[in-house]
Amino acid sequence: MEQRKLRKRIPLKKVTEKILLHDPLSFMANKASMQARKAAEHQELVLIEIWFDKHYYNRYQHGDESGKRNGIDPDLVKEIIIQSISWLISCSGRYKFFRFLNTDKENDPYHRIVLQKNTKEGLLNIVTEFHWITLRRYEVTVKTAMVTDEFRLSDGQFALRLDDTGCVVLKMENNKPREMVQL
């Protein structure tokens, strides 16, 4: 009698793991515990107002002594600001050295963040100020913008450089940009 080849068996562990992922009563590992059960999810609604400073509008409409500034269209600038908000919040929450939000407190350091993104015209640099207004309301003001690879940050100033896959946080230290984090 000829011996038959055994069938491949489905590993029980893989099936069990898939079932447990969808069981709302199961205990599983999260960032703080090896045995935790999700109780709820909550999404917070936050209003972020985008403002353009008169200096920015003048540079957009009339340019400067070098001529009209190309590549600083308000729609593109708004799009980059919206793309950067989640990255800014994530970096601010994860790294103690990074703060982007200005408050009205006295003796609180003042922050201007440069948002950067490569465009078809070159590296777009957007100088912004983010301010806390109320509990769920913030405003960001675009102070100026320019397309140049030679943009100079102030000493101690941060830049958030966006690309298609993530971002890099840069800080100017002793007149040299230093990569702090890559996400």
C-alpha atoms as a PDB file:
ATOM      1  CA  MET A   1       0.000   0.000   0.000  1.00  0.00           C
ATOM      2  CA  GLU A   2       1.283   3.414  -0.976  1.00  0.00           C
ATOM      3  CA  GLN A   3       1.821   6.037   1.746  1.00  0.00           C
ATOM      4  CA  ARG A   4      -0.033   9.292   1.208  1.00  0.00           C
ATOM      5  CA  LYS A   5       1.611  12.670   1.629  1.00  0.00           C
ATOM      6  CA  LEU A   6       0.352  14.498   4.716  1.00  0.00           C
ATOM      7  CA  ARG A   7      -1.637  17.671   4.240  1.00  0.00           C
ATOM      8  CA  LYS A   8      -0.204  20.986   5.443  1.00  0.00           C
ATOM      9  CA  ARG A   9      -1.821  21.954   8.694  1.00  0.00           C
ATOM     10  CA  ILE A  10      -2.938  25.496   9.476  1.00  0.00           C
ATOM     11  CA  PRO A  11      -0.953  26.677  12.495  1.00  0.00           C
ATOM     12  CA  LEU A  12      -3.391  27.212  15.355  1.00  0.00           C
ATOM     13  CA  LYS A  13      -1.401  30.131  16.804  1.00  0.00           C
ATOM     14  CA  LYS A  14      -1.862  32.337  13.692  1.00  0.00           C
ATOM     15  CA  VAL A  15      -5.603  31.686  13.579  1.00  0.00           C
ATOM     16  CA  THR A  16      -5.963  32.407  17.302  1.00  0.00           C
ATOM     17  CA  GLU A  17      -4.046  35.709  17.016  1.00  0.00           C
ATOM     18  CA  LYS A  18      -6.291  36.898  14.187  1.00  0.00           C
ATOM     19  CA  ILE A  19      -9.428  36.026  16.135  1.00  0.00           C
ATOM     20  CA  LEU A  20      -8.181  37.807  19.276  1.00  0.00           C
ATOM     21  CA  LEU A  21      -7.493  41.039  17.393  1.00  0.00           C
ATOM     22  CA  HIS A  22     -11.190  41.411  16.729  1.00  0.00           C
ATOM     23  CA  ASP A  23     -12.496  40.290  20.130  1.00  0.00           C
ATOM     24  CA  PRO A  24     -13.607  43.395  22.074  1.00  0.00           C
ATOM     25  CA  LEU A  25     -13.435  41.507  25.385  1.00  0.00           C
ATOM     26  CA  SER A  26      -9.888  40.228  24.987  1.00  0.00           C
ATOM     27  CA  PHE A  27      -6.931  41.519  26.942  1.00  0.00           C
ATOM     28  CA  MET A  28      -3.897  42.331  24.827  1.00  0.00           C
ATOM     29  CA  ALA A  29      -0.688  44.328  24.913  1.00  0.00           C
ATOM     30  CA  ASN A  30      -0.677  48.079  24.356  1.00  0.00           C
ATOM     31  CA  LYS A  31       2.042  50.715  24.917  1.00  0.00           C
ATOM     32  CA  ALA A  32       1.623  50.691  28.721  1.00  0.00           C
ATOM     33  CA  SER A  33       0.525  47.160  29.637  1.00  0.00           C
ATOM     34  CA  MET A  34       0.860  43.545  28.536  1.00  0.00           C
ATOM     35  CA  GLN A  35      -2.749  42.841  29.580  1.00  0.00           C
ATOM     36  CA  ALA A  36      -5.174  45.649  28.703  1.00  0.00           C
ATOM     37  CA  ARG A  37      -8.647  45.899  27.198  1.00  0.00           C
ATOM     38  CA  LYS A  38      -9.679  48.840  25.030  1.00  0.00           C
ATOM     39  CA  ALA A  39     -12.550  50.640  26.756  1.00  0.00           C
ATOM     40  CA  ALA A  40     -13.239  53.426  24.235  1.00  0.00           C
ATOM     41  CA  GLU A  41     -11.888  55.632  21.487  1.00  0.00           C
ATOM     42  CA  HIS A  42     -12.327  59.403  21.393  1.00  0.00           C
ATOM     43  CA  GLN A  43     -11.486  61.875  18.666  1.00  0.00           C
ATOM     44  CA  GLU A  44     -11.047  65.521  19.641  1.00  0.00           C
ATOM     45  CA  LEU A  45     -12.155  68.349  17.386  1.00  0.00           C
ATOM     46  CA  VAL A  46      -9.668  71.235  17.247  1.00  0.00           C
ATOM     47  CA  LEU A  47     -10.012  74.448  15.250  1.00  0.00           C
ATOM     48  CA  ILE A  48      -6.841  75.809  13.664  1.00  0.00           C
ATOM     49  CA  GLU A  49      -7.112  79.186  11.957  1.00  0.00           C
ATOM     50  CA  ILE A  50      -4.584  79.997   9.228  1.00  0.00           C
ATOM     51  CA  TRP A  51      -3.661  83.677   8.883  1.00  0.00           C
ATOM     52  CA  PHE A  52      -1.359  85.446   6.426  1.00  0.00           C
ATOM     53  CA  ASP A  53       0.692  88.412   7.639  1.00  0.00           C
ATOM     54  CA  LYS A  54       0.711  91.543   5.451  1.00  0.00           C
ATOM     55  CA  HIS A  55       4.464  91.043   4.899  1.00  0.00           C
ATOM     56  CA  TYR A  56       3.738  87.639   3.322  1.00  0.00           C
ATOM     57  CA  TYR A  57       1.020  89.096   1.073  1.00  0.00           C
ATOM     58  CA  ASN A  58       3.347  91.891  -0.045  1.00  0.00           C
ATOM     59  CA  ARG A  59       6.055  89.359  -0.928  1.00  0.00           C
ATOM     60  CA  TYR A  60       3.521  87.192  -2.754  1.00  0.00           C
ATOM     61  CA  GLN A  61       1.932  90.046  -4.731  1.00  0.00           C
ATOM     62  CA  HIS A  62       4.840  92.441  -5.261  1.00  0.00           C
ATOM     63  CA  GLY A  63       8.014  90.560  -4.389  1.00  0.00           C
ATOM     64  CA  ASP A  64      11.075  92.231  -2.886  1.00  0.00           C
ATOM     65  CA  GLU A  65      14.236  93.923  -4.207  1.00  0.00           C
ATOM     66  CA  SER A  66      15.074  90.684  -6.053  1.00  0.00           C
ATOM     67  CA  GLY A  67      11.724  90.696  -7.848  1.00  0.00           C
ATOM     68  CA  LYS A  68       8.535  88.695  -7.524  1.00  0.00           C
ATOM     69  CA  ARG A  69       8.751  85.578  -5.357  1.00  0.00           C
ATOM     70  CA  ASN A  70       7.613  82.552  -7.311  1.00  0.00           C
ATOM     71  CA  GLY A  71       6.400  79.359  -5.664  1.00  0.00           C
ATOM     72  CA  ILE A  72       4.784  80.907  -2.556  1.00  0.00           C
ATOM     73  CA  ASP A  73       1.161  80.584  -3.663  1.00  0.00           C
ATOM     74  CA  PRO A  74      -1.295  80.853  -0.703  1.00  0.00           C
ATOM     75  CA  ASP A  75      -3.051  77.579  -1.602  1.00  0.00           C
ATOM     76  CA  LEU A  76       0.247  75.679  -1.582  1.00  0.00           C
ATOM     77  CA  VAL A  77       1.284  77.346   1.686  1.00  0.00           C
ATOM     78  CA  LYS A  78      -2.046  76.393   3.324  1.00  0.00           C
ATOM     79  CA  GLU A  79      -1.662  72.804   2.090  1.00  0.00           C
ATOM     80  CA  ILE A  80       1.828  72.513   3.607  1.00  0.00           C
ATOM     81  CA  ILE A  81       0.646  73.980   6.923  1.00  0.00           C
ATOM     82  CA  ILE A  82      -2.187  71.449   7.095  1.00  0.00           C
ATOM     83  CA  GLN A  83       0.228  68.591   6.255  1.00  0.00           C
ATOM     84  CA  SER A  84       2.617  69.714   8.993  1.00  0.00           C
ATOM     85  CA  ILE A  85       0.164  70.006  11.902  1.00  0.00           C
ATOM     86  CA  SER A  86       0.089  66.296  12.815  1.00  0.00           C
ATOM     87  CA  TRP A  87       3.904  66.116  12.584  1.00  0.00           C
ATOM     88  CA  LEU A  88       4.308  69.202  14.798  1.00  0.00           C
ATOM     89  CA  ILE A  89       1.970  67.823  17.455  1.00  0.00           C
ATOM     90  CA  SER A  90       3.664  64.416  17.325  1.00  0.00           C
ATOM     91  CA  CYS A  91       7.180  65.875  17.667  1.00  0.00           C
ATOM     92  CA  SER A  92       6.106  68.239  20.435  1.00  0.00           C
ATOM     93  CA  GLY A  93       4.571  65.387  22.415  1.00  0.00           C
ATOM     94  CA  ARG A  94       7.441  62.940  21.876  1.00  0.00           C
ATOM     95  CA  TYR A  95      10.511  65.151  22.309  1.00  0.00           C
ATOM     96  CA  LYS A  96      11.085  67.519  25.222  1.00  0.00           C
ATOM     97  CA  PHE A  97      13.460  69.723  23.243  1.00  0.00           C
ATOM     98  CA  PHE A  98      10.817  70.620  20.619  1.00  0.00           C
ATOM     99  CA  ARG A  99       8.102  73.207  21.179  1.00  0.00           C
ATOM    100  CA  PHE A 100       6.205  75.045  18.492  1.00  0.00           C
ATOM    101  CA  LEU A 101       3.234  76.531  20.333  1.00  0.00           C
ATOM    102  CA  ASN A 102       3.377  80.074  21.713  1.00  0.00           C
ATOM    103  CA  THR A 103       1.332  81.035  24.778  1.00  0.00           C
ATOM    104  CA  ASP A 104       0.534  84.342  26.420  1.00  0.00           C
ATOM    105  CA  LYS A 105       2.585  83.512  29.533  1.00  0.00           C
ATOM    106  CA  GLU A 106       5.272  85.977  30.523  1.00  0.00           C
ATOM    107  CA  ASN A 107       8.857  84.706  30.347  1.00  0.00           C
ATOM    108  CA  ASP A 108       7.745  81.955  27.953  1.00  0.00           C
ATOM    109  CA  PRO A 109      10.216  81.562  25.082  1.00  0.00           C
ATOM    110  CA  TYR A 110       8.967  82.729  21.710  1.00  0.00           C
ATOM    111  CA  HIS A 111       8.865  80.198  18.855  1.00  0.00           C
ATOM    112  CA  ARG A 112       8.879  80.690  15.087  1.00  0.00           C
ATOM    113  CA  ILE A 113       8.941  77.435  13.167  1.00  0.00           C
ATOM    114  CA  VAL A 114      10.068  77.191   9.544  1.00  0.00           C
ATOM    115  CA  LEU A 115       8.109  74.653   7.522  1.00  0.00           C
ATOM    116  CA  GLN A 116      10.063  73.366   4.533  1.00  0.00           C
ATOM    117  CA  LYS A 117       9.081  71.284   1.530  1.00  0.00           C
ATOM    118  CA  ASN A 118      10.735  70.605  -1.821  1.00  0.00           C
ATOM    119  CA  THR A 119       8.605  71.859  -4.697  1.00  0.00           C
ATOM    120  CA  LYS A 120       9.181  72.053  -8.440  1.00  0.00           C
ATOM    121  CA  GLU A 121      10.613  75.588  -7.947  1.00  0.00           C
ATOM    122  CA  GLY A 122      12.986  74.514  -5.139  1.00  0.00           C
ATOM    123  CA  LEU A 123      12.895  74.353  -1.337  1.00  0.00           C
ATOM    124  CA  LEU A 124       9.865  76.303  -0.074  1.00  0.00           C
ATOM    125  CA  ASN A 125      10.479  77.871   3.366  1.00  0.00           C
ATOM    126  CA  ILE A 126       7.433  79.088   5.315  1.00  0.00           C
ATOM    127  CA  VAL A 127       8.079  81.067   8.512  1.00  0.00           C
ATOM    128  CA  THR A 128       5.170  80.477  10.909  1.00  0.00           C
ATOM    129  CA  GLU A 129       4.005  81.289  14.415  1.00  0.00           C
ATOM    130  CA  PHE A 130       1.542  78.969  16.152  1.00  0.00           C
ATOM    131  CA  HIS A 131      -0.468  80.435  19.047  1.00  0.00           C
ATOM    132  CA  TRP A 132      -2.780  78.927  21.639  1.00  0.00           C
ATOM    133  CA  ILE A 133      -6.057  80.895  21.743  1.00  0.00           C
ATOM    134  CA  THR A 134      -8.468  78.744  23.802  1.00  0.00           C
ATOM    135  CA  LEU A 135      -8.784  75.100  24.781  1.00  0.00           C
ATOM    136  CA  ARG A 136      -9.649  73.844  21.288  1.00  0.00           C
ATOM    137  CA  ARG A 137      -8.707  76.836  19.179  1.00  0.00           C
ATOM    138  CA  TYR A 138      -5.288  77.706  17.769  1.00  0.00           C
ATOM    139  CA  GLU A 139      -4.016  80.058  15.124  1.00  0.00           C
ATOM    140  CA  VAL A 140      -1.052  79.899  12.816  1.00  0.00           C
ATOM    141  CA  THR A 141       0.252  83.023  11.119  1.00  0.00           C
ATOM    142  CA  VAL A 142       2.459  82.893   8.041  1.00  0.00           C
ATOM    143  CA  LYS A 143       5.025  85.663   8.515  1.00  0.00           C
ATOM    144  CA  THR A 144       6.854  85.181   5.206  1.00  0.00           C
ATOM    145  CA  ALA A 145       7.729  82.552   2.625  1.00  0.00           C
ATOM    146  CA  MET A 146      10.399  82.103  -0.021  1.00  0.00           C
ATOM    147  CA  VAL A 147      11.764  79.439  -2.317  1.00  0.00           C
ATOM    148  CA  THR A 148      15.496  79.089  -1.752  1.00  0.00           C
ATOM    149  CA  ASP A 149      17.972  76.409  -0.760  1.00  0.00           C
ATOM    150  CA  GLU A 150      20.014  79.091   1.058  1.00  0.00           C
ATOM    151  CA  PHE A 151      17.410  79.955   3.735  1.00  0.00           C
ATOM    152  CA  ARG A 152      19.097  80.792   7.067  1.00  0.00           C
ATOM    153  CA  LEU A 153      17.553  79.797  10.358  1.00  0.00           C
ATOM    154  CA  SER A 154      18.281  81.809  13.483  1.00  0.00           C
ATOM    155  CA  ASP A 155      20.411  80.178  16.159  1.00  0.00           C
ATOM    156  CA  GLY A 156      18.154  77.884  18.218  1.00  0.00           C
ATOM    157  CA  GLN A 157      15.348  77.978  15.632  1.00  0.00           C
ATOM    158  CA  PHE A 158      13.643  74.809  14.402  1.00  0.00           C
ATOM    159  CA  ALA A 159      12.619  73.768  10.902  1.00  0.00           C
ATOM    160  CA  LEU A 160      10.277  70.945   9.999  1.00  0.00           C
ATOM    161  CA  ARG A 161      11.194  69.561   6.559  1.00  0.00           C
ATOM    162  CA  LEU A 162       8.368  67.543   5.013  1.00  0.00           C
ATOM    163  CA  ASP A 163       8.635  64.947   2.271  1.00  0.00           C
ATOM    164  CA  ASP A 164       6.275  62.324   0.866  1.00  0.00           C
ATOM    165  CA  THR A 165       7.055  59.735   3.542  1.00  0.00           C
ATOM    166  CA  GLY A 166       7.641  61.738   6.733  1.00  0.00           C
ATOM    167  CA  CYS A 167       9.566  64.648   8.139  1.00  0.00           C
ATOM    168  CA  VAL A 168      12.895  65.743   9.559  1.00  0.00           C
ATOM    169  CA  VAL A 169      13.262  68.176  12.460  1.00  0.00           C
ATOM    170  CA  LEU A 170      16.260  70.472  12.096  1.00  0.00           C
ATOM    171  CA  LYS A 171      17.676  72.893  14.671  1.00  0.00           C
ATOM    172  CA  MET A 172      20.192  75.636  14.000  1.00  0.00           C
ATOM    173  CA  GLU A 173      23.047  75.333  16.500  1.00  0.00           C
ATOM    174  CA  ASN A 174      26.206  77.448  16.249  1.00  0.00           C
ATOM    175  CA  ASN A 175      25.238  78.551  12.724  1.00  0.00           C
ATOM    176  CA  LYS A 176      24.948  74.945  11.507  1.00  0.00           C
ATOM    177  CA  PRO A 177      21.698  73.033  10.907  1.00  0.00           C
ATOM    178  CA  ARG A 178      21.583  69.854  12.977  1.00  0.00           C
ATOM    179  CA  GLU A 179      19.192  67.003  12.273  1.00  0.00           C
ATOM    180  CA  MET A 180      17.398  66.292  15.542  1.00  0.00           C
ATOM    181  CA  VAL A 181      14.794  63.692  14.539  1.00  0.00           C
ATOM    182  CA  GLN A 182      13.710  61.861  11.423  1.00  0.00           C
ATOM    183  CA  LEU A 183      10.181  60.476  11.388  1.00  0.00           C
END
